[in-house]
Protein backbone atom coordinates (compact mmCIF):
# COMPACT_ATOMS: atom_id res chain seq x y z
CA SER A 1 6.05 -25.70 7.12
CA ARG A 2 7.10 -22.08 6.84
CA ALA A 3 4.71 -19.15 6.63
CA PRO A 4 5.10 -17.03 3.51
CA VAL A 5 6.86 -13.74 4.19
CA VAL A 6 6.13 -10.48 2.39
CA LEU A 7 8.84 -7.94 3.14
CA GLN A 8 8.02 -4.25 3.22
CA LEU A 9 10.72 -1.78 2.25
CA LEU A 10 11.02 1.98 2.85
CA GLY A 11 13.34 4.39 1.13
CA GLY A 12 13.93 6.69 -1.79
CA ASN A 13 16.95 5.20 -3.54
CA PRO A 14 15.77 2.87 -6.34
CA GLU A 15 19.03 0.92 -6.62
CA VAL A 16 19.35 0.33 -2.86
CA LEU A 17 15.72 -0.77 -2.68
CA ALA A 18 16.22 -3.12 -5.64
CA ARG A 19 19.26 -4.73 -3.98
CA SER A 20 17.36 -5.06 -0.70
CA ALA A 21 14.42 -6.66 -2.50
CA VAL A 22 16.67 -9.19 -4.25
CA ASN A 23 18.34 -10.01 -0.90
CA ALA A 24 14.93 -10.49 0.71
CA VAL A 25 13.80 -12.87 -2.03
CA THR A 26 17.07 -14.80 -1.78
CA ALA A 27 16.38 -15.15 1.95
CA GLY A 28 12.89 -16.51 1.26
CA ALA A 29 10.46 -13.60 0.86
CA VAL A 30 7.65 -14.46 -1.57
CA ALA A 31 6.68 -10.86 -2.29
CA ILE A 32 7.92 -7.31 -1.78
CA ASP A 33 5.86 -4.31 -0.68
CA LEU A 34 7.13 -0.76 -1.20
CA ASN A 35 5.81 1.59 1.46
CA PHE A 36 4.97 5.05 0.14
CA GLY A 37 2.49 5.65 2.94
CA CYS A 38 4.36 5.75 6.25
CA PRO A 39 3.59 9.08 7.96
CA ALA A 40 6.40 8.85 10.56
CA LYS A 41 8.48 12.03 10.67
CA THR A 42 11.77 10.13 10.96
CA VAL A 43 10.98 8.09 7.85
CA ASN A 44 9.79 11.12 5.89
CA ARG A 45 12.86 13.21 6.83
CA ASN A 46 15.03 10.40 5.46
CA ASP A 47 13.43 10.23 2.00
CA GLY A 48 11.04 7.39 2.68
CA GLY A 49 7.40 6.58 3.15
CA ALA A 50 4.84 9.28 2.44
CA ALA A 51 7.53 11.85 1.53
CA LEU A 52 7.59 10.22 -1.91
CA LEU A 53 3.90 11.00 -2.47
CA LYS A 54 5.01 14.48 -3.49
CA HIS A 55 7.05 12.99 -6.36
CA PRO A 56 5.01 10.68 -8.64
CA ASN A 57 7.90 10.27 -11.08
CA ARG A 58 10.10 8.98 -8.26
CA ILE A 59 7.41 6.46 -7.30
CA TYR A 60 7.46 5.26 -10.90
CA GLU A 61 11.27 5.04 -10.95
CA ILE A 62 11.46 3.14 -7.67
CA VAL A 63 8.76 0.63 -8.61
CA ARG A 64 10.24 0.16 -12.11
CA THR A 65 13.76 -0.40 -10.76
CA VAL A 66 12.67 -2.88 -8.08
CA ARG A 67 10.35 -4.70 -10.51
CA GLY A 68 13.23 -5.02 -13.00
CA ALA A 69 15.49 -6.57 -10.37
CA LEU A 70 13.00 -9.23 -9.24
CA PRO A 71 12.00 -12.50 -10.88
CA LYS A 72 8.58 -12.24 -12.54
CA SER A 73 7.30 -14.88 -10.10
CA VAL A 74 7.77 -12.49 -7.15
CA SER A 75 4.87 -10.11 -6.60
CA LEU A 76 5.60 -6.44 -6.06
CA SER A 77 3.12 -4.12 -4.39
CA ALA A 78 3.01 -0.47 -3.41
CA LYS A 79 1.31 1.01 -0.37
CA LEU A 80 0.05 4.55 -0.87
CA ARG A 81 -1.86 7.18 1.03
CA LEU A 82 -4.20 9.61 -0.67
CA GLY A 83 -1.38 12.15 -0.87
CA TRP A 84 0.80 14.33 1.33
CA ASP A 85 -1.90 16.86 2.13
CA ASN A 86 -4.12 16.70 -0.95
CA ILE A 87 -6.38 13.75 -1.74
CA SER A 88 -6.28 14.54 -5.45
CA ASP A 89 -2.66 13.30 -5.61
CA LEU A 90 -3.77 9.68 -5.31
CA GLN A 91 -4.74 9.08 -8.92
CA ARG A 92 -1.38 10.18 -10.33
CA ASN A 93 0.63 8.26 -7.72
CA ALA A 94 -1.43 5.11 -8.31
CA GLU A 95 -0.94 5.41 -12.06
CA MET A 96 2.82 5.82 -11.62
CA ALA A 97 3.08 2.79 -9.32
CA CYS A 98 1.13 0.67 -11.84
CA LEU A 99 3.12 1.96 -14.79
CA GLY A 100 6.30 1.04 -12.91
CA GLY A 101 5.09 -2.55 -12.57
CA ALA A 102 3.24 -2.90 -9.26
CA ASP A 103 1.12 -6.07 -9.17
CA TRP A 104 -1.31 -4.58 -6.64
CA LEU A 105 -1.82 -1.45 -4.56
CA THR A 106 -2.78 -0.98 -0.95
CA ILE A 107 -4.38 2.40 -0.34
CA HIS A 108 -4.71 3.97 3.09
CA ALA A 109 -7.66 6.35 2.83
CA ARG A 110 -6.00 9.34 4.51
CA THR A 111 -3.34 11.88 3.61
CA LYS A 112 0.06 11.97 5.30
CA SER A 113 -0.92 15.24 6.99
CA GLN A 114 -3.87 13.50 8.64
CA GLY A 115 -1.72 10.77 10.14
CA TYR A 116 -4.34 8.51 11.69
CA LYS A 117 -6.93 11.21 12.42
CA PRO A 118 -10.44 10.92 11.01
CA PRO A 119 -12.03 11.07 8.57
CA VAL A 120 -11.07 8.45 6.05
CA TYR A 121 -11.96 8.97 2.41
CA TRP A 122 -12.96 5.52 1.16
CA PRO A 123 -14.67 6.97 -1.96
CA GLU A 124 -11.22 8.01 -3.23
CA ILE A 125 -10.16 4.35 -3.21
CA ALA A 126 -13.21 3.50 -5.32
CA LYS A 127 -12.25 6.16 -7.90
CA VAL A 128 -8.74 4.74 -8.27
CA LYS A 129 -9.98 1.16 -8.41
CA LYS A 130 -12.10 2.04 -11.46
CA ASN A 131 -9.14 3.56 -13.29
CA ILE A 132 -6.38 0.99 -12.84
CA SER A 133 -5.98 -2.63 -13.87
CA VAL A 134 -4.35 -4.14 -10.77
CA PRO A 135 -6.09 -5.29 -7.58
CA VAL A 136 -6.58 -2.67 -4.88
CA ILE A 137 -6.50 -3.37 -1.16
CA ALA A 138 -8.54 -0.92 0.93
CA ASN A 139 -7.04 0.24 4.23
CA GLY A 140 -7.94 2.73 6.93
CA ASP A 141 -10.43 2.81 9.81
CA ILE A 142 -11.75 -0.72 9.47
CA TRP A 143 -12.26 -1.16 13.22
CA THR A 144 -15.42 -3.29 13.27
CA PHE A 145 -17.26 -5.76 11.10
CA ASP A 146 -19.74 -3.00 10.20
CA ASP A 147 -16.81 -0.77 9.17
CA PHE A 148 -15.55 -3.56 6.94
CA ARG A 149 -18.95 -3.88 5.25
CA ARG A 150 -19.21 -0.11 4.73
CA CYS A 151 -15.70 0.02 3.31
CA ARG A 152 -16.47 -2.88 0.96
CA ASP A 153 -19.70 -1.28 -0.20
CA ILE A 154 -18.10 2.13 -0.81
CA THR A 155 -14.82 0.99 -2.38
CA GLU A 156 -16.11 -2.13 -4.15
CA CYS A 157 -12.79 -3.71 -3.19
CA GLU A 158 -12.35 -7.44 -2.74
CA HIS A 159 -9.21 -7.12 -0.60
CA PHE A 160 -8.70 -5.32 2.72
CA MET A 161 -5.89 -4.55 5.10
CA LEU A 162 -6.81 -4.72 8.76
CA ALA A 163 -4.08 -3.14 10.81
CA ARG A 164 -4.44 -1.66 14.28
CA ALA A 165 -7.98 -3.04 14.69
CA ALA A 166 -6.75 -6.62 14.30
CA LEU A 167 -4.54 -6.15 17.34
CA GLY A 168 -7.51 -5.13 19.47
CA ASN A 169 -9.88 -7.70 18.00
CA PRO A 170 -8.08 -10.69 16.45
CA PHE A 171 -11.45 -12.27 15.60
CA LEU A 172 -12.21 -9.46 13.14
CA VAL A 173 -9.98 -11.07 10.53
CA ASN A 174 -11.97 -14.31 10.58
CA GLN A 175 -15.30 -12.45 10.53
CA CYS A 176 -14.26 -10.54 7.42
CA ALA A 177 -12.79 -13.63 5.76
CA LYS A 178 -16.05 -15.54 6.23
CA GLU A 179 -17.99 -12.67 4.69
CA LEU A 180 -15.70 -12.58 1.68
């Protein structure tokens, strides 16, 4: 049997992203994730990732265009950070992604300017979760099982993205899954 593949796309051109998403689904992807959170300078200089956090209307346009190109059976998600350098940008960007048709959001609890430096702002995820109708996946600084529990308690999320920590401790995923 084949493992389901979710393809993540970066970029700022709605039509190119829509064509890429359709190609990915034709090749077997079961869902598409649009990354508006990548802090890498090369990505941001080329109109992708977190650079789009400065332009909520573009986030809307990209999500809307990709959603319109995909079959309804294919899930579309958006990964966001809190903002470029201001955590108050998150609410507007989340609203625009949802209005465009995102089925769920993953939120990394830092700004682009922070990169991966502490602190994370999990309470900001909780604020967004209360104001939107799609599921929210909490992400950022979940290094240990205790971190996971704190993040869950603060955000009230039911879904979590474990990234770099899962590489260092592959058992963390199973610990969290059992708890959920």
